[in-house]
Amino acid sequence: MITLNVEKTFGFISKENVNAYEKKVQEAQEMLENGTGEGNDFLGWLHLPSSITQEHLNDLKATAQVLRENCDVVVVAGIGGSYLGARAVIEALSNSFAWLQEKKDSPVILYAGHNIGEDYLYELTEYLKGKKFGVINISKSGTTTETALAFRLLRKQCEDQRGKEMAQKVIVAITDAKKGAARLTADKEGYKSFIIPDNVGGRFSVLTPVGLLPIAVAGYDIEKLVAGAVAMEKACGKDVPFAENPAALYAATRNELYKNGKKIEILVNFNPKLHYVNEWWKQLYGESEGKDNKGIFPAAVDFSTDLHSMGQWIQEGERTIFETVISVEHANHNLLVPSDEENLDGLNYLAGKRVDEVNKMAELGTQLAHVDGGVPNLRLTIPALNEESIGGLLYFFEKACGISGYILGVNPFNQPGVEAYKKNMFALLNKPGYEEASKAIQARL
């Protein structure tokens, strides 16, 4: 089970003040459960883990098996919450060098539709030439520029290389139940499709087909992933006492830190496989809380790598930060430091120790140094990098985000600011319907 330790925030804030949030947390929990807060039409994630049926999982696994049997490469086309959750889980569970191995147990999973880089897309399409590839197109509307552009390229290449009949078999749509360009295309072309629930926003969608299908294609056990999330759903339930509820305690502590001038939260990992969990978390909290000129800025670092780049600033820069460290209790492999007769590097004092022990001491030493340097520190411990732990971690962050946003006084489930760049981009590209906006923006240039 995931545990949260906030002891190293005390001294910067008081335990009494954190405990004083109990009533606010309870009110936020009731708003979530009763649907009485802003954004209540996007609460489908709240009890999603425990509502997933075996029939649904079997359908996802069967579709994943079709792609696994017919593809050497599967491209996940999506942006933001439409790909970050899947990538976070897949990268956390994958062998770091599996894609280099000649004989692969699962298709290589690649990503598109999350940028508009011409070189990236050109190089991707070049790589896919001659390869048996499929596409999972993830888009509620089917008109999000980045994803729609990538899918247009990938669909044509898949049909040209593999023929219309096979393309129909290896292109899967995850989209709206009834409307939108992606739904129309899927129905017209006969693609297998899954539904993005209307009441689940993109950044909360990892436990819908948006995340579960790519994770299953990559060869990971989605039943165990969901089971981990179900366990955390119970552990963070509204009737769990405040002091025993990790999501409640996390939400309260970070809000009290924010109230005391800690405007930036840095999510820290000491395992490179968690890099995309950090990226997923940044969207979840940034898009949920950054409104009304309020909100903690979510940043992230990979230690100990970034201790040699960002470490100086974190240790001695402006004291507006706090850290939340994800600590993995047990490594999945065992590697000992060898002894060296000459000992020119001076590392013989580590001989016979596990590399993970060295990493854990770097983690502890960093925490102590940063607390001494004025950085409050929260520590999340997960048992291991496996499906259950990652499923629990993702749900923990989702539940805490809903509570935290309501404590902050914002709607955690909308993202009105995301549309601003799109309107300008469409005007600059002279998209039909944006004629007046095009004239106005040209006058500003």
Protein backbone atom coordinates (compact mmCIF):
# COMPACT_ATOMS: atom_id res chain seq x y z
CA MET A 1 0.00 0.00 0.00
CA ILE A 2 1.14 3.54 -0.72
CA THR A 3 2.11 5.56 2.34
CA LEU A 4 2.52 9.31 2.78
CA ASN A 5 4.86 10.94 5.30
CA VAL A 6 4.54 14.69 5.84
CA GLU A 7 6.66 14.98 9.00
CA LYS A 8 9.39 16.92 7.21
CA THR A 9 7.00 19.75 6.43
CA PHE A 10 6.54 20.49 10.12
CA GLY A 11 8.80 23.29 11.22
CA PHE A 12 7.76 25.14 8.07
CA ILE A 13 4.07 24.67 8.85
CA SER A 14 2.47 23.29 11.98
CA LYS A 15 0.83 19.91 12.37
CA GLU A 16 -2.07 21.65 14.11
CA ASN A 17 -2.69 23.87 11.08
CA VAL A 18 -2.65 20.87 8.75
CA ASN A 19 -5.08 19.00 11.00
CA ALA A 20 -7.30 22.09 11.00
CA TYR A 21 -8.06 21.33 7.33
CA GLU A 22 -10.07 18.27 8.34
CA LYS A 23 -13.40 20.07 8.02
CA LYS A 24 -12.47 21.63 4.66
CA VAL A 25 -11.34 18.23 3.39
CA GLN A 26 -14.61 16.65 4.52
CA GLU A 27 -16.58 19.37 2.75
CA ALA A 28 -14.54 18.82 -0.43
CA GLN A 29 -15.09 15.05 -0.19
CA GLU A 30 -18.83 15.58 0.17
CA MET A 31 -18.84 17.94 -2.83
CA LEU A 32 -17.17 15.21 -4.86
CA GLU A 33 -19.46 12.44 -3.63
CA ASN A 34 -22.67 14.45 -3.91
CA GLY A 35 -21.76 16.32 -7.08
CA THR A 36 -22.48 19.70 -5.53
CA GLY A 37 -19.26 21.48 -6.56
CA GLU A 38 -18.22 23.16 -9.78
CA GLY A 39 -17.36 20.78 -12.57
CA ASN A 40 -19.74 18.13 -11.21
CA ASP A 41 -20.43 16.87 -14.72
CA PHE A 42 -16.83 15.54 -14.82
CA LEU A 43 -16.80 13.25 -11.79
CA GLY A 44 -16.89 9.94 -13.64
CA TRP A 45 -13.33 9.17 -12.54
CA LEU A 46 -14.25 9.21 -8.83
CA HIS A 47 -15.54 5.63 -8.59
CA LEU A 48 -14.30 4.50 -11.99
CA PRO A 49 -11.89 1.81 -10.71
CA SER A 50 -14.55 -0.08 -8.74
CA SER A 51 -17.09 0.21 -11.58
CA ILE A 52 -14.94 -1.37 -14.30
CA THR A 53 -16.44 -4.72 -15.29
CA GLN A 54 -14.64 -7.92 -16.21
CA GLU A 55 -16.51 -7.87 -19.52
CA HIS A 56 -15.02 -4.46 -20.33
CA LEU A 57 -11.52 -5.61 -19.42
CA ASN A 58 -11.94 -8.73 -21.56
CA ASP A 59 -12.97 -6.59 -24.54
CA LEU A 60 -9.92 -4.38 -24.10
CA LYS A 61 -7.61 -7.38 -23.76
CA ALA A 62 -9.08 -9.05 -26.85
CA THR A 63 -8.56 -5.90 -28.92
CA ALA A 64 -5.05 -5.54 -27.54
CA GLN A 65 -4.32 -9.10 -28.59
CA VAL A 66 -5.41 -8.37 -32.17
CA LEU A 67 -2.91 -5.49 -32.31
CA ARG A 68 -0.19 -7.55 -30.62
CA GLU A 69 -0.62 -10.37 -33.15
CA ASN A 70 -0.70 -8.12 -36.22
CA CYS A 71 1.71 -5.30 -35.39
CA ASP A 72 5.40 -4.86 -34.68
CA VAL A 73 4.76 -1.21 -33.82
CA VAL A 74 1.67 0.53 -32.45
CA VAL A 75 1.45 4.31 -32.54
CA VAL A 76 -0.66 5.97 -29.86
CA ALA A 77 -2.00 9.22 -31.31
CA GLY A 78 -3.17 11.66 -28.66
CA ILE A 79 -2.20 14.75 -26.69
CA GLY A 80 -2.31 15.69 -23.01
CA GLY A 81 -4.48 13.32 -21.03
CA SER A 82 -5.09 11.30 -24.17
CA TYR A 83 -1.59 9.87 -24.07
CA LEU A 84 0.27 10.90 -20.90
CA GLY A 85 -1.42 8.38 -18.59
CA ALA A 86 -0.72 5.45 -20.87
CA ARG A 87 2.85 6.57 -21.44
CA ALA A 88 3.40 7.07 -17.70
CA VAL A 89 2.38 3.48 -16.94
CA ILE A 90 4.13 1.90 -19.91
CA GLU A 91 7.44 3.68 -19.27
CA ALA A 92 7.27 2.88 -15.54
CA LEU A 93 6.81 -0.84 -16.20
CA SER A 94 8.96 -1.31 -19.30
CA ASN A 95 12.49 -2.59 -19.64
CA SER A 96 14.44 0.60 -20.34
CA PHE A 97 16.16 -0.98 -23.35
CA ALA A 98 13.46 -3.33 -24.65
CA TRP A 99 12.99 -1.30 -27.84
CA LEU A 100 16.63 -2.00 -28.79
CA GLN A 101 16.27 -5.77 -28.56
CA GLU A 102 15.92 -7.60 -31.85
CA LYS A 103 13.42 -10.12 -30.53
CA LYS A 104 10.56 -8.35 -28.79
CA ASP A 105 7.78 -9.84 -26.69
CA SER A 106 5.42 -6.94 -27.40
CA PRO A 107 4.96 -4.32 -30.11
CA VAL A 108 7.07 -1.20 -29.84
CA ILE A 109 4.81 1.59 -28.55
CA LEU A 110 5.43 5.00 -30.12
CA TYR A 111 3.58 8.29 -29.69
CA ALA A 112 2.32 10.95 -32.08
CA GLY A 113 -0.23 13.72 -32.06
CA HIS A 114 1.30 15.39 -29.00
CA ASN A 115 3.28 17.95 -31.00
CA ILE A 116 3.38 19.59 -34.42
CA GLY A 117 7.05 18.95 -35.07
CA GLU A 118 7.54 18.36 -38.78
CA ASP A 119 10.89 16.68 -38.26
CA TYR A 120 9.41 14.41 -35.57
CA LEU A 121 6.52 13.36 -37.80
CA TYR A 122 8.75 12.92 -40.85
CA GLU A 123 11.18 10.75 -38.90
CA LEU A 124 8.29 8.72 -37.45
CA THR A 125 6.78 8.06 -40.87
CA GLU A 126 10.23 7.13 -42.21
CA TYR A 127 10.74 4.69 -39.32
CA LEU A 128 7.35 3.08 -40.01
CA LYS A 129 8.10 2.41 -43.67
CA GLY A 130 8.06 -1.32 -44.30
CA LYS A 131 6.90 -2.08 -40.77
CA LYS A 132 3.71 -3.79 -39.67
CA PHE A 133 2.19 -0.99 -37.64
CA GLY A 134 -1.17 -0.07 -36.19
CA VAL A 135 -2.66 3.07 -34.67
CA ILE A 136 -4.70 3.82 -31.58
CA ASN A 137 -6.32 7.19 -32.30
CA ILE A 138 -7.42 8.89 -29.08
CA SER A 139 -9.51 12.02 -29.50
CA LYS A 140 -12.88 13.02 -28.13
CA SER A 141 -13.61 15.38 -31.01
CA GLY A 142 -11.31 14.14 -33.74
CA THR A 143 -10.46 17.74 -34.59
CA THR A 144 -7.71 18.55 -32.07
CA THR A 145 -5.09 19.91 -34.46
CA GLU A 146 -2.02 18.05 -33.21
CA THR A 147 -3.71 14.64 -33.05
CA ALA A 148 -5.89 15.01 -36.15
CA LEU A 149 -2.89 16.02 -38.25
CA ALA A 150 -0.82 13.06 -37.04
CA PHE A 151 -3.69 10.62 -37.56
CA ARG A 152 -4.29 11.85 -41.09
CA LEU A 153 -0.66 11.04 -41.92
CA LEU A 154 -0.63 7.70 -40.09
CA ARG A 155 -3.95 6.50 -41.48
CA LYS A 156 -2.88 7.12 -45.06
CA GLN A 157 0.48 5.42 -44.53
CA CYS A 158 -1.14 2.43 -42.83
CA GLU A 159 -3.64 1.99 -45.66
CA ASP A 160 -0.95 2.43 -48.33
CA GLN A 161 1.44 -0.05 -46.67
CA ARG A 162 -0.93 -2.63 -45.28
CA GLY A 163 -4.04 -2.29 -47.45
CA LYS A 164 -7.49 -1.07 -46.49
CA GLU A 165 -8.63 -4.39 -45.05
CA MET A 166 -5.69 -4.78 -42.67
CA ALA A 167 -5.73 -1.08 -41.78
CA GLN A 168 -9.35 -1.50 -40.73
CA LYS A 169 -8.17 -4.26 -38.39
CA VAL A 170 -5.21 -2.46 -36.81
CA ILE A 171 -6.61 1.07 -36.44
CA VAL A 172 -8.61 1.52 -33.25
CA ALA A 173 -10.53 4.65 -32.28
CA ILE A 174 -11.06 5.80 -28.70
CA THR A 175 -13.51 8.66 -28.93
CA ASP A 176 -16.96 10.06 -28.15
CA ALA A 177 -19.91 7.68 -28.08
CA LYS A 178 -21.99 9.52 -30.66
CA LYS A 179 -20.47 12.70 -32.09
CA GLY A 180 -17.31 14.20 -33.53
CA ALA A 181 -15.07 13.61 -36.53
CA ALA A 182 -13.25 10.63 -34.95
CA ARG A 183 -16.58 8.90 -34.23
CA LEU A 184 -17.81 9.52 -37.78
CA THR A 185 -14.55 8.19 -39.23
CA ALA A 186 -14.57 5.09 -37.02
CA ASP A 187 -18.15 4.25 -37.95
CA LYS A 188 -17.57 4.90 -41.66
CA GLU A 189 -14.36 2.88 -41.84
CA GLY A 190 -15.49 0.10 -39.50
CA TYR A 191 -12.73 0.56 -36.92
CA LYS A 192 -13.01 -1.14 -33.58
CA SER A 193 -13.80 1.64 -31.13
CA PHE A 194 -14.02 2.37 -27.43
CA ILE A 195 -15.79 5.23 -25.70
CA ILE A 196 -14.31 8.09 -23.72
CA PRO A 197 -17.01 8.66 -21.07
CA ASP A 198 -18.62 12.10 -21.23
CA ASN A 199 -18.09 12.59 -17.49
CA VAL A 200 -14.34 11.88 -17.45
CA GLY A 201 -11.96 14.66 -18.46
CA GLY A 202 -8.79 13.82 -20.37
CA ARG A 203 -6.35 14.24 -17.49
CA PHE A 204 -8.44 11.86 -15.34
CA SER A 205 -8.88 9.28 -18.11
CA VAL A 206 -5.98 6.86 -17.59
CA LEU A 207 -8.29 4.13 -16.23
CA THR A 208 -10.65 4.41 -19.20
CA PRO A 209 -9.81 2.77 -22.57
CA VAL A 210 -7.66 5.89 -23.22
CA GLY A 211 -5.01 4.41 -20.94
CA LEU A 212 -6.01 0.78 -20.53
CA LEU A 213 -5.88 -0.24 -24.21
CA PRO A 214 -2.33 1.01 -24.95
CA ILE A 215 -1.14 -0.45 -21.62
CA ALA A 216 -2.63 -3.83 -22.53
CA VAL A 217 -1.07 -3.68 -26.01
CA ALA A 218 2.31 -3.07 -24.34
CA GLY A 219 1.83 -6.35 -22.49
CA TYR A 220 0.94 -5.22 -19.00
CA ASP A 221 -1.77 -6.58 -16.73
CA ILE A 222 -4.62 -4.07 -16.73
CA GLU A 223 -6.57 -6.15 -14.23
CA LYS A 224 -3.80 -5.68 -11.66
CA LEU A 225 -3.55 -1.98 -12.55
CA VAL A 226 -7.27 -1.54 -11.90
CA ALA A 227 -7.05 -3.61 -8.71
CA GLY A 228 -4.38 -1.24 -7.38
CA ALA A 229 -6.62 1.71 -8.15
CA VAL A 230 -9.61 0.02 -6.47
CA ALA A 231 -7.56 -0.50 -3.30
CA MET A 232 -6.58 3.17 -3.30
CA GLU A 233 -10.17 4.25 -3.99
CA LYS A 234 -11.09 2.52 -0.72
CA ALA A 235 -8.07 3.91 1.16
CA CYS A 236 -9.00 7.46 0.12
CA GLY A 237 -12.76 7.14 0.67
CA LYS A 238 -14.75 9.91 2.31
CA ASP A 239 -15.34 7.85 5.47
CA VAL A 240 -11.64 7.10 6.05
CA PRO A 241 -10.42 9.23 8.99
CA PHE A 242 -8.45 12.31 7.97
CA ALA A 243 -5.17 11.19 9.58
CA GLU A 244 -5.37 7.80 7.79
CA ASN A 245 -6.44 9.11 4.40
CA PRO A 246 -3.35 9.80 2.23
CA ALA A 247 -5.24 11.86 -0.39
CA ALA A 248 -6.83 14.03 2.29
CA LEU A 249 -3.52 14.56 4.09
CA TYR A 250 -1.67 15.39 0.86
CA ALA A 251 -4.32 17.90 -0.23
CA ALA A 252 -4.36 19.59 3.18
CA THR A 253 -0.57 19.75 3.55
CA ARG A 254 0.08 21.23 0.11
CA ASN A 255 -2.66 23.84 0.59
CA GLU A 256 -1.21 24.88 3.95
CA LEU A 257 2.25 25.14 2.36
CA TYR A 258 0.79 27.27 -0.45
CA LYS A 259 -0.89 29.50 2.11
CA ASN A 260 2.55 29.99 3.69
CA GLY A 261 4.25 31.14 0.50
CA LYS A 262 5.34 27.84 -1.03
CA LYS A 263 4.14 28.52 -4.57
CA ILE A 264 6.00 25.74 -6.42
CA GLU A 265 5.71 22.00 -5.85
CA ILE A 266 8.50 19.86 -7.26
CA LEU A 267 7.62 16.20 -7.81
CA VAL A 268 10.80 14.18 -7.33
CA ASN A 269 11.63 10.63 -8.31
CA PHE A 270 14.82 8.64 -7.80
CA ASN A 271 13.92 6.12 -10.51
CA PRO A 272 14.19 7.21 -14.17
CA LYS A 273 11.26 4.98 -15.09
CA LEU A 274 8.96 7.43 -13.30
CA HIS A 275 9.77 10.36 -15.60
CA TYR A 276 6.44 10.22 -17.38
CA VAL A 277 4.51 9.79 -14.14
CA ASN A 278 5.98 13.22 -13.36
CA GLU A 279 4.80 14.53 -16.73
CA TRP A 280 1.30 13.12 -16.21
CA TRP A 281 1.17 14.66 -12.72
CA LYS A 282 2.21 18.08 -14.06
CA GLN A 283 -0.78 18.16 -16.38
CA LEU A 284 -3.16 16.82 -13.74
CA TYR A 285 -2.33 19.50 -11.18
CA GLY A 286 -1.43 22.36 -13.50
CA GLU A 287 -4.59 22.09 -15.56
CA SER A 288 -6.79 21.43 -12.53
CA GLU A 289 -5.57 24.15 -10.15
CA GLY A 290 -4.07 26.91 -12.30
CA LYS A 291 -7.09 29.20 -12.48
CA ASP A 292 -8.36 32.55 -11.22
CA ASN A 293 -4.75 33.71 -10.75
CA LYS A 294 -4.28 30.96 -8.17
CA GLY A 295 -2.61 27.59 -7.92
CA ILE A 296 0.66 25.88 -7.04
CA PHE A 297 3.03 25.66 -10.01
CA PRO A 298 3.79 21.95 -10.66
CA ALA A 299 7.41 21.22 -11.57
CA ALA A 300 9.26 17.92 -11.67
CA VAL A 301 12.80 16.55 -11.54
CA ASP A 302 14.52 13.20 -12.02
CA PHE A 303 17.08 12.61 -9.27
CA SER A 304 19.90 12.04 -8.91
CA THR A 305 20.35 13.22 -12.54
CA ASP A 306 18.88 16.66 -11.91
CA LEU A 307 20.80 17.12 -8.67
CA HIS A 308 23.65 17.98 -11.05
CA SER A 309 21.58 20.59 -12.89
CA MET A 310 18.70 21.85 -10.71
CA GLY A 311 20.17 20.81 -7.38
CA GLN A 312 21.91 24.12 -6.69
CA TRP A 313 18.72 26.14 -7.21
CA ILE A 314 16.65 23.76 -5.09
CA GLN A 315 19.23 23.86 -2.29
CA GLU A 316 19.85 27.61 -2.19
CA GLY A 317 17.47 29.43 -4.54
CA GLU A 318 14.34 31.39 -3.67
CA ARG A 319 12.50 29.66 -0.82
CA THR A 320 9.13 29.39 -2.54
CA ILE A 321 9.27 25.64 -3.13
CA PHE A 322 8.42 22.34 -1.53
CA GLU A 323 9.11 18.80 -2.70
CA THR A 324 7.02 15.65 -2.93
CA VAL A 325 9.28 12.63 -3.34
CA ILE A 326 8.08 9.35 -4.83
CA SER A 327 10.16 6.62 -3.22
CA VAL A 328 10.12 3.05 -4.60
CA GLU A 329 10.62 0.68 -1.69
CA HIS A 330 11.85 -2.40 -3.59
CA ALA A 331 13.80 -2.47 -6.87
CA ASN A 332 12.77 -5.19 -9.31
CA HIS A 333 16.33 -6.39 -9.92
CA ASN A 334 19.44 -7.05 -7.87
CA LEU A 335 22.80 -5.59 -8.96
CA LEU A 336 25.86 -5.52 -6.68
CA VAL A 337 28.75 -3.06 -6.83
CA PRO A 338 31.89 -5.08 -7.71
CA SER A 339 35.22 -4.77 -5.96
CA ASP A 340 38.19 -3.41 -7.91
CA GLU A 341 41.75 -4.23 -6.89
CA GLU A 342 43.20 -0.85 -7.91
CA ASN A 343 40.25 1.15 -6.53
CA LEU A 344 41.22 4.23 -8.52
CA ASP A 345 37.66 5.56 -8.28
CA GLY A 346 37.62 5.05 -4.51
CA LEU A 347 34.40 3.07 -4.60
CA ASN A 348 35.54 -0.08 -2.85
CA TYR A 349 33.73 1.08 0.27
CA LEU A 350 30.56 0.30 -1.69
CA ALA A 351 31.69 -3.14 -2.87
CA GLY A 352 29.10 -5.81 -2.24
CA LYS A 353 26.27 -3.31 -1.74
CA ARG A 354 23.23 -3.23 -3.97
CA VAL A 355 23.04 -0.28 -6.34
CA ASP A 356 19.58 0.42 -4.92
CA GLU A 357 21.09 0.86 -1.45
CA VAL A 358 23.38 3.55 -2.83
CA ASN A 359 20.36 5.18 -4.51
CA LYS A 360 18.35 5.07 -1.27
CA MET A 361 21.16 6.80 0.63
CA ALA A 362 21.29 9.47 -2.11
CA GLU A 363 17.55 9.90 -1.61
CA LEU A 364 17.80 10.20 2.17
CA GLY A 365 20.84 12.47 2.01
CA THR A 366 19.09 14.74 -0.48
CA GLN A 367 15.95 14.96 1.64
CA LEU A 368 17.94 15.94 4.72
CA ALA A 369 20.00 18.50 2.79
CA HIS A 370 16.96 20.10 1.21
CA VAL A 371 15.04 20.29 4.49
CA ASP A 372 18.12 21.88 6.07
CA GLY A 373 18.16 24.31 3.13
CA GLY A 374 14.58 25.41 3.76
CA VAL A 375 12.61 23.06 1.50
CA PRO A 376 9.62 21.28 3.11
CA ASN A 377 9.49 17.65 2.07
CA LEU A 378 6.67 15.14 1.62
CA ARG A 379 7.47 11.48 0.93
CA LEU A 380 5.26 9.05 -0.96
CA THR A 381 6.40 5.44 -0.72
CA ILE A 382 5.18 2.83 -3.18
CA PRO A 383 6.08 -0.87 -2.74
CA ALA A 384 7.55 -1.48 -6.21
CA LEU A 385 7.25 -0.61 -9.86
CA ASN A 386 4.40 -2.96 -10.72
CA GLU A 387 0.87 -2.64 -11.99
CA GLU A 388 -0.81 -2.56 -8.57
CA SER A 389 1.47 0.14 -7.18
CA ILE A 390 1.22 2.36 -10.26
CA GLY A 391 -2.57 1.98 -10.42
CA GLY A 392 -2.80 3.01 -6.78
CA LEU A 393 -0.43 5.94 -7.26
CA LEU A 394 -2.40 7.35 -10.18
CA TYR A 395 -5.72 7.15 -8.34
CA PHE A 396 -4.17 8.68 -5.21
CA PHE A 397 -3.05 11.73 -7.19
CA GLU A 398 -6.46 12.03 -8.91
CA LYS A 399 -8.43 11.91 -5.66
CA ALA A 400 -6.08 14.32 -3.91
CA CYS A 401 -6.33 16.69 -6.88
CA GLY A 402 -10.12 16.86 -6.67
CA ILE A 403 -9.98 17.56 -2.93
CA SER A 404 -7.15 20.06 -3.26
CA GLY A 405 -8.84 22.02 -6.04
CA TYR A 406 -12.03 22.45 -4.03
CA ILE A 407 -10.04 23.53 -0.96
CA LEU A 408 -8.28 26.10 -3.17
CA GLY A 409 -11.64 27.38 -4.37
CA VAL A 410 -11.37 26.60 -8.09
CA ASN A 411 -13.17 24.27 -10.47
CA PRO A 412 -10.65 21.40 -10.76
CA PHE A 413 -12.34 19.88 -13.78
CA ASN A 414 -12.32 22.54 -16.51
CA GLN A 415 -9.49 24.10 -18.51
CA PRO A 416 -10.73 27.34 -20.10
CA GLY A 417 -7.23 28.74 -20.51
CA VAL A 418 -6.19 25.95 -22.88
CA GLU A 419 -8.38 27.40 -25.63
CA ALA A 420 -6.54 30.73 -25.88
CA TYR A 421 -3.61 29.50 -27.98
CA LYS A 422 -5.92 27.48 -30.22
CA LYS A 423 -7.98 30.53 -31.18
CA ASN A 424 -4.86 32.49 -32.10
CA MET A 425 -3.40 29.55 -34.04
CA PHE A 426 -6.62 29.05 -36.02
CA ALA A 427 -6.77 32.78 -36.81
CA LEU A 428 -3.13 32.80 -37.97
CA LEU A 429 -3.76 29.75 -40.16
CA ASN A 430 -6.91 31.32 -41.66
CA LYS A 431 -9.13 28.46 -40.58
CA PRO A 432 -12.66 28.79 -42.02
CA GLY A 433 -14.90 30.55 -39.52
CA TYR A 434 -12.04 32.61 -38.07
CA GLU A 435 -12.01 35.36 -40.70
CA GLU A 436 -12.68 38.24 -38.29
CA ALA A 437 -10.22 36.88 -35.77
CA SER A 438 -7.66 36.58 -38.58
CA LYS A 439 -8.05 40.25 -39.48
CA ALA A 440 -7.78 41.28 -35.83
CA ILE A 441 -4.69 39.24 -35.13
CA GLN A 442 -2.95 40.32 -38.34
CA ALA A 443 -3.45 43.94 -37.24
CA ARG A 444 -1.51 43.18 -34.07
CA LEU A 445 1.51 41.68 -35.83
